[in-house]
């Protein structure tokens, strides 16, 4: 009876230990964590891997759009534009709810301009405007709109 208890205890301990190491391994992966109180980007400070260098600007854009309430927390973002020009970085794509509800309407496009890790402008916009931005090498129109909105708000 004692060897059976020991074997069961060892098996449970082994499973728990492997789960702990799996969780610890995932702590460094870039991800966007959402709650009603806060939106947090994890795994991007500092940006250490090639995957993080690709994904983190997209996560910073998504956080900006959720923090400014351009989109509800229940929206997921599909990035279709990821373009750099000088120090600026344009991220754009389509946002749609994780689970569609009646009255949601069509998916909405978005765009953000980043300088380094800092989002300098971002908003929802028509799909045609996103396509137009993607063709350009400078996104001053989007950043100027953000500066004008900030000046009007203060």
C-alpha atoms as a PDB file:
ATOM      1  CA  UNK A   1       0.000   0.000   0.000  1.00  0.00           C
ATOM      2  CA  UNK A   2       2.821   2.414   0.851  1.00  0.00           C
ATOM      3  CA  UNK A   3       4.603   1.992  -2.520  1.00  0.00           C
ATOM      4  CA  UNK A   4       1.312   2.759  -4.319  1.00  0.00           C
ATOM      5  CA  UNK A   5       0.842   5.983  -2.320  1.00  0.00           C
ATOM      6  CA  UNK A   6       4.431   6.953  -2.992  1.00  0.00           C
ATOM      7  CA  UNK A   7       3.995   6.322  -6.732  1.00  0.00           C
ATOM      8  CA  UNK A   8       0.792   8.406  -6.835  1.00  0.00           C
ATOM      9  CA  UNK A   9       2.446  11.237  -4.882  1.00  0.00           C
ATOM     10  CA  UNK A  10       5.493  11.186  -7.165  1.00  0.00           C
ATOM     11  CA  UNK A  11       3.293  11.263 -10.283  1.00  0.00           C
ATOM     12  CA  UNK A  12       1.229  14.223  -9.011  1.00  0.00           C
ATOM     13  CA  UNK A  13       4.383  16.055  -7.937  1.00  0.00           C
ATOM     14  CA  UNK A  14       5.977  15.441 -11.350  1.00  0.00           C
ATOM     15  CA  UNK A  15       2.924  16.778 -13.192  1.00  0.00           C
ATOM     16  CA  UNK A  16       2.777  19.868 -10.951  1.00  0.00           C
ATOM     17  CA  UNK A  17       6.499  20.515 -11.407  1.00  0.00           C
ATOM     18  CA  UNK A  18       6.302  20.204 -15.201  1.00  0.00           C
ATOM     19  CA  UNK A  19       3.319  22.604 -15.219  1.00  0.00           C
ATOM     20  CA  UNK A  20       5.295  25.118 -13.176  1.00  0.00           C
ATOM     21  CA  UNK A  21       8.223  25.006 -15.600  1.00  0.00           C
ATOM     22  CA  UNK A  22       5.814  25.399 -18.529  1.00  0.00           C
ATOM     23  CA  UNK A  23       4.295  28.514 -16.912  1.00  0.00           C
ATOM     24  CA  UNK A  24       7.730  29.970 -16.163  1.00  0.00           C
ATOM     25  CA  UNK A  25       8.754  29.414 -19.773  1.00  0.00           C
ATOM     26  CA  UNK A  26       5.706  31.340 -21.027  1.00  0.00           C
ATOM     27  CA  UNK A  27       6.280  34.392 -18.823  1.00  0.00           C
ATOM     28  CA  UNK A  28       8.742  35.918 -21.271  1.00  0.00           C
ATOM     29  CA  UNK A  29       6.608  35.470 -24.402  1.00  0.00           C
ATOM     30  CA  UNK A  30       5.110  38.703 -25.792  1.00  0.00           C
ATOM     31  CA  UNK A  31       1.380  38.912 -25.159  1.00  0.00           C
ATOM     32  CA  UNK A  32      -1.423  41.406 -24.559  1.00  0.00           C
ATOM     33  CA  UNK A  33      -3.240  40.864 -21.253  1.00  0.00           C
ATOM     34  CA  UNK A  34      -6.692  42.436 -20.970  1.00  0.00           C
ATOM     35  CA  UNK A  35      -8.988  43.091 -18.047  1.00  0.00           C
ATOM     36  CA  UNK A  36     -11.701  45.647 -17.366  1.00  0.00           C
ATOM     37  CA  UNK A  37      -9.235  47.590 -15.196  1.00  0.00           C
ATOM     38  CA  UNK A  38      -6.105  47.546 -17.373  1.00  0.00           C
ATOM     39  CA  UNK A  39      -4.487  46.435 -20.603  1.00  0.00           C
ATOM     40  CA  UNK A  40      -0.872  45.288 -20.201  1.00  0.00           C
ATOM     41  CA  UNK A  41       1.798  44.265 -22.705  1.00  0.00           C
ATOM     42  CA  UNK A  42       4.033  41.547 -21.257  1.00  0.00           C
ATOM     43  CA  UNK A  43       7.273  40.108 -22.569  1.00  0.00           C
ATOM     44  CA  UNK A  44       8.332  43.297 -24.395  1.00  0.00           C
ATOM     45  CA  UNK A  45      10.536  45.003 -21.822  1.00  0.00           C
ATOM     46  CA  UNK A  46      13.236  44.546 -22.937  1.00  0.00           C
ATOM     47  CA  UNK A  47      12.690  43.227 -26.464  1.00  0.00           C
ATOM     48  CA  UNK A  48      15.165  40.357 -26.590  1.00  0.00           C
ATOM     49  CA  UNK A  49      14.166  37.991 -29.377  1.00  0.00           C
ATOM     50  CA  UNK A  50      13.515  38.363 -33.089  1.00  0.00           C
ATOM     51  CA  UNK A  51       9.918  37.233 -32.541  1.00  0.00           C
ATOM     52  CA  UNK A  52       9.433  39.889 -29.850  1.00  0.00           C
ATOM     53  CA  UNK A  53      10.894  42.564 -32.161  1.00  0.00           C
ATOM     54  CA  UNK A  54       8.235  41.650 -34.733  1.00  0.00           C
ATOM     55  CA  UNK A  55       5.248  41.213 -32.373  1.00  0.00           C
ATOM     56  CA  UNK A  56       5.799  43.893 -29.701  1.00  0.00           C
ATOM     57  CA  UNK A  57       5.112  46.965 -31.914  1.00  0.00           C
ATOM     58  CA  UNK A  58       1.812  45.337 -32.888  1.00  0.00           C
ATOM     59  CA  UNK A  59       0.968  44.793 -29.216  1.00  0.00           C
ATOM     60  CA  UNK A  60       1.867  48.416 -28.341  1.00  0.00           C
ATOM     61  CA  UNK A  61      -0.536  49.553 -31.104  1.00  0.00           C
ATOM     62  CA  UNK A  62      -3.330  47.295 -29.843  1.00  0.00           C
ATOM     63  CA  UNK A  63      -2.840  48.518 -26.269  1.00  0.00           C
ATOM     64  CA  UNK A  64      -3.007  52.152 -27.446  1.00  0.00           C
ATOM     65  CA  UNK A  65      -6.256  51.519 -29.345  1.00  0.00           C
ATOM     66  CA  UNK A  66      -7.828  49.736 -26.376  1.00  0.00           C
ATOM     67  CA  UNK A  67      -6.629  52.366 -23.864  1.00  0.00           C
ATOM     68  CA  UNK A  68      -8.048  55.210 -25.986  1.00  0.00           C
ATOM     69  CA  UNK A  69     -11.322  53.287 -26.328  1.00  0.00           C
ATOM     70  CA  UNK A  70     -11.131  53.264 -30.128  1.00  0.00           C
ATOM     71  CA  UNK A  71     -12.125  49.590 -29.789  1.00  0.00           C
ATOM     72  CA  UNK A  72     -13.799  47.559 -27.070  1.00  0.00           C
ATOM     73  CA  UNK A  73     -11.814  44.985 -25.066  1.00  0.00           C
ATOM     74  CA  UNK A  74     -13.612  42.163 -26.878  1.00  0.00           C
ATOM     75  CA  UNK A  75     -11.995  43.008 -30.234  1.00  0.00           C
ATOM     76  CA  UNK A  76      -9.122  41.018 -31.753  1.00  0.00           C
ATOM     77  CA  UNK A  77      -6.670  42.589 -34.150  1.00  0.00           C
ATOM     78  CA  UNK A  78      -5.410  41.097 -37.409  1.00  0.00           C
ATOM     79  CA  UNK A  79      -2.345  43.016 -38.613  1.00  0.00           C
ATOM     80  CA  UNK A  80      -2.124  43.348 -42.390  1.00  0.00           C
ATOM     81  CA  UNK A  81       0.242  46.352 -42.653  1.00  0.00           C
ATOM     82  CA  UNK A  82       3.625  46.424 -40.914  1.00  0.00           C
ATOM     83  CA  UNK A  83       5.865  48.988 -42.597  1.00  0.00           C
ATOM     84  CA  UNK A  84       8.878  51.062 -41.523  1.00  0.00           C
ATOM     85  CA  UNK A  85      10.104  54.376 -42.896  1.00  0.00           C
ATOM     86  CA  UNK A  86      13.010  56.067 -41.141  1.00  0.00           C
ATOM     87  CA  UNK A  87      12.237  56.196 -37.421  1.00  0.00           C
ATOM     88  CA  UNK A  88       8.499  55.690 -37.956  1.00  0.00           C
ATOM     89  CA  UNK A  89       6.677  52.371 -38.005  1.00  0.00           C
ATOM     90  CA  UNK A  90       3.144  51.949 -39.420  1.00  0.00           C
ATOM     91  CA  UNK A  91       0.994  49.134 -38.040  1.00  0.00           C
ATOM     92  CA  UNK A  92      -2.466  48.611 -39.505  1.00  0.00           C
ATOM     93  CA  UNK A  93      -5.105  45.994 -40.063  1.00  0.00           C
ATOM     94  CA  UNK A  94      -8.618  44.881 -39.237  1.00  0.00           C
ATOM     95  CA  UNK A  95     -10.285  44.600 -35.831  1.00  0.00           C
ATOM     96  CA  UNK A  96     -13.273  42.365 -35.208  1.00  0.00           C
ATOM     97  CA  UNK A  97     -14.951  40.954 -32.096  1.00  0.00           C
ATOM     98  CA  UNK A  98     -13.706  37.618 -30.714  1.00  0.00           C
ATOM     99  CA  UNK A  99     -17.341  36.507 -30.664  1.00  0.00           C
ATOM    100  CA  UNK A 100     -19.755  38.279 -32.980  1.00  0.00           C
ATOM    101  CA  UNK A 101     -22.960  39.706 -31.496  1.00  0.00           C
ATOM    102  CA  UNK A 102     -26.000  40.962 -33.392  1.00  0.00           C
ATOM    103  CA  UNK A 103     -25.540  44.619 -34.286  1.00  0.00           C
ATOM    104  CA  UNK A 104     -21.719  44.534 -34.267  1.00  0.00           C
ATOM    105  CA  UNK A 105     -21.470  45.820 -37.805  1.00  0.00           C
ATOM    106  CA  UNK A 106     -18.621  45.048 -40.180  1.00  0.00           C
ATOM    107  CA  UNK A 107     -14.989  44.646 -39.099  1.00  0.00           C
ATOM    108  CA  UNK A 108     -13.196  48.004 -38.685  1.00  0.00           C
ATOM    109  CA  UNK A 109      -9.744  48.991 -39.888  1.00  0.00           C
ATOM    110  CA  UNK A 110      -7.112  50.609 -37.676  1.00  0.00           C
ATOM    111  CA  UNK A 111      -3.689  52.226 -37.995  1.00  0.00           C
ATOM    112  CA  UNK A 112      -0.953  53.281 -35.576  1.00  0.00           C
ATOM    113  CA  UNK A 113       2.317  55.120 -36.061  1.00  0.00           C
ATOM    114  CA  UNK A 114       5.121  54.293 -33.644  1.00  0.00           C
ATOM    115  CA  UNK A 115       8.481  55.880 -33.000  1.00  0.00           C
ATOM    116  CA  UNK A 116      10.551  53.276 -31.193  1.00  0.00           C
ATOM    117  CA  UNK A 117       8.290  51.718 -28.549  1.00  0.00           C
ATOM    118  CA  UNK A 118       6.075  54.824 -28.336  1.00  0.00           C
ATOM    119  CA  UNK A 119       2.755  55.036 -30.203  1.00  0.00           C
ATOM    120  CA  UNK A 120       2.524  58.636 -31.465  1.00  0.00           C
ATOM    121  CA  UNK A 121      -0.834  58.225 -33.256  1.00  0.00           C
ATOM    122  CA  UNK A 122      -3.505  55.613 -33.710  1.00  0.00           C
ATOM    123  CA  UNK A 123      -7.188  55.374 -34.535  1.00  0.00           C
ATOM    124  CA  UNK A 124      -9.944  53.485 -36.323  1.00  0.00           C
ATOM    125  CA  UNK A 125     -10.273  54.488 -39.951  1.00  0.00           C
ATOM    126  CA  UNK A 126     -11.933  53.418 -43.208  1.00  0.00           C
ATOM    127  CA  UNK A 127     -10.316  50.518 -45.081  1.00  0.00           C
ATOM    128  CA  UNK A 128      -9.624  52.762 -48.088  1.00  0.00           C
ATOM    129  CA  UNK A 129      -7.675  55.197 -45.888  1.00  0.00           C
ATOM    130  CA  UNK A 130      -5.596  52.328 -44.464  1.00  0.00           C
ATOM    131  CA  UNK A 131      -4.775  51.153 -48.003  1.00  0.00           C
ATOM    132  CA  UNK A 132      -3.775  54.718 -48.896  1.00  0.00           C
ATOM    133  CA  UNK A 133      -1.525  54.995 -45.828  1.00  0.00           C
ATOM    134  CA  UNK A 134       0.119  51.662 -46.648  1.00  0.00           C
ATOM    135  CA  UNK A 135       1.166  53.026 -50.045  1.00  0.00           C
ATOM    136  CA  UNK A 136       2.859  56.088 -48.535  1.00  0.00           C
ATOM    137  CA  UNK A 137       6.338  56.377 -47.019  1.00  0.00           C
ATOM    138  CA  UNK A 138       5.374  59.116 -44.548  1.00  0.00           C
ATOM    139  CA  UNK A 139       2.362  59.090 -42.262  1.00  0.00           C
ATOM    140  CA  UNK A 140       2.278  62.734 -41.212  1.00  0.00           C
ATOM    141  CA  UNK A 141      -1.456  62.908 -41.965  1.00  0.00           C
ATOM    142  CA  UNK A 142      -2.180  60.394 -39.212  1.00  0.00           C
ATOM    143  CA  UNK A 143       0.240  61.992 -36.748  1.00  0.00           C
ATOM    144  CA  UNK A 144      -1.061  65.497 -37.573  1.00  0.00           C
ATOM    145  CA  UNK A 145      -4.639  64.332 -36.903  1.00  0.00           C
ATOM    146  CA  UNK A 146      -3.498  63.039 -33.502  1.00  0.00           C
ATOM    147  CA  UNK A 147      -1.708  66.305 -32.697  1.00  0.00           C
ATOM    148  CA  UNK A 148      -4.790  68.341 -33.671  1.00  0.00           C
ATOM    149  CA  UNK A 149      -7.059  66.141 -31.555  1.00  0.00           C
ATOM    150  CA  UNK A 150      -4.708  66.466 -28.572  1.00  0.00           C
ATOM    151  CA  UNK A 151      -4.549  70.253 -28.956  1.00  0.00           C
ATOM    152  CA  UNK A 152      -8.361  70.457 -29.119  1.00  0.00           C
ATOM    153  CA  UNK A 153      -8.656  68.281 -26.003  1.00  0.00           C
ATOM    154  CA  UNK A 154      -6.381  70.523 -23.896  1.00  0.00           C
END
